[in-house]
Protein backbone atom coordinates (compact mmCIF):
# COMPACT_ATOMS: atom_id res chain seq x y z
CA MET A 1 -142.25 39.28 -140.59
CA PHE A 2 -138.55 40.23 -140.80
CA ILE A 3 -139.09 43.14 -138.41
CA LYS A 4 -141.01 41.03 -135.93
CA THR A 5 -138.40 38.25 -135.81
CA HIS A 6 -135.11 40.15 -136.21
CA LEU A 7 -135.55 43.70 -134.92
CA THR A 8 -138.00 43.55 -132.05
CA LYS A 9 -137.74 42.09 -128.56
CA LYS A 10 -140.77 40.81 -126.71
CA GLY A 11 -141.92 43.31 -124.07
CA SER A 12 -140.01 46.29 -125.53
CA ILE A 13 -141.65 49.51 -126.64
CA TYR A 14 -141.34 50.70 -130.24
CA LEU A 15 -142.57 53.83 -131.99
CA LEU A 16 -143.27 54.45 -135.65
CA GLY A 17 -141.87 57.82 -136.69
CA GLY A 18 -142.09 59.79 -139.89
CA ASP A 19 -140.11 62.84 -140.97
CA GLU A 20 -139.86 64.93 -144.11
CA VAL A 21 -136.30 65.71 -145.16
CA VAL A 22 -135.51 68.61 -147.50
CA VAL A 23 -132.22 68.57 -149.43
CA SER A 24 -131.19 71.75 -151.25
CA LYS A 25 -130.55 71.26 -154.94
CA SER A 26 -129.68 73.49 -157.86
CA GLY A 27 -130.26 72.71 -161.50
CA LYS A 28 -133.29 72.19 -163.67
CA HIS A 29 -132.98 68.59 -164.84
CA THR A 30 -133.10 66.63 -161.57
CA TYR A 31 -136.34 64.67 -161.19
CA GLY A 32 -138.58 66.13 -158.50
CA VAL A 33 -136.80 69.46 -158.04
CA ASP A 34 -139.34 71.93 -156.68
CA ARG A 35 -139.64 74.52 -153.97
CA PHE A 36 -140.04 73.09 -150.44
CA TYR A 37 -139.89 74.70 -147.01
CA SER A 38 -136.61 74.19 -145.14
CA SER A 39 -136.92 74.66 -141.38
CA ILE A 40 -133.12 74.94 -141.10
CA GLN A 41 -133.02 77.91 -143.48
CA ASN A 42 -136.46 79.11 -142.35
CA GLN A 43 -137.60 79.70 -145.93
CA VAL A 44 -138.79 78.00 -149.09
CA ILE A 45 -135.83 76.79 -151.17
CA LYS A 46 -135.25 74.95 -154.44
CA SER A 47 -134.82 71.38 -153.26
CA LEU A 48 -135.79 67.73 -153.19
CA ALA A 49 -138.03 66.36 -150.45
CA PHE A 50 -138.21 62.86 -149.00
CA LEU A 51 -140.57 61.22 -146.51
CA ASN A 52 -138.85 58.73 -144.18
CA LEU A 53 -140.58 56.19 -141.94
CA SER A 54 -138.62 54.46 -139.17
CA LEU A 55 -139.21 51.98 -136.37
CA ILE A 56 -137.74 53.48 -133.19
CA SER A 57 -136.67 51.41 -130.20
CA VAL A 58 -137.33 53.34 -126.99
CA GLU A 59 -135.06 51.04 -124.97
CA THR A 60 -131.93 51.18 -127.18
CA ARG A 61 -132.65 54.63 -128.71
CA LYS A 62 -132.00 53.29 -132.22
CA ALA A 63 -134.03 53.91 -135.35
CA TYR A 64 -134.51 51.32 -138.07
CA PRO A 65 -135.48 52.86 -141.42
CA LEU A 66 -138.46 51.14 -143.03
CA SER A 67 -139.20 53.33 -146.04
CA THR A 68 -137.94 56.38 -147.89
CA GLN A 69 -140.03 57.94 -150.64
CA GLN A 70 -139.41 61.05 -152.69
CA ILE A 71 -142.17 63.65 -152.60
CA VAL A 72 -143.01 64.82 -156.11
CA ARG A 73 -145.68 67.45 -156.66
CA ASP A 74 -147.95 67.34 -159.66
CA LYS A 75 -147.58 70.42 -161.80
CA LYS A 76 -150.93 72.18 -161.75
CA LYS A 77 -152.20 73.39 -165.05
CA VAL A 78 -152.65 77.13 -165.10
CA VAL A 79 -155.94 78.00 -166.74
CA SER A 80 -156.49 81.61 -167.62
CA LYS A 81 -160.06 82.83 -167.56
CA ILE A 82 -160.94 85.36 -170.18
CA LYS A 83 -163.80 87.65 -169.30
CA VAL A 84 -165.77 89.07 -172.18
């Protein structure tokens, strides 16, 4: 309701955009540190990753952030198979 009454104008065009942001990070004790692909460095790096959603006004060329969420991967359990 807030977005509809305070951010939008009747008759204007808006887009919903999403983007993953990768922030390089060193260290072992930061929550969510993993290896993610960085398009800027063109390789997989030790980093944090966030997914951002924004409402974009085509008319004013402004973006209004709606949500930011950290991407955390579940650690897969490595199961070794022993052949007899």
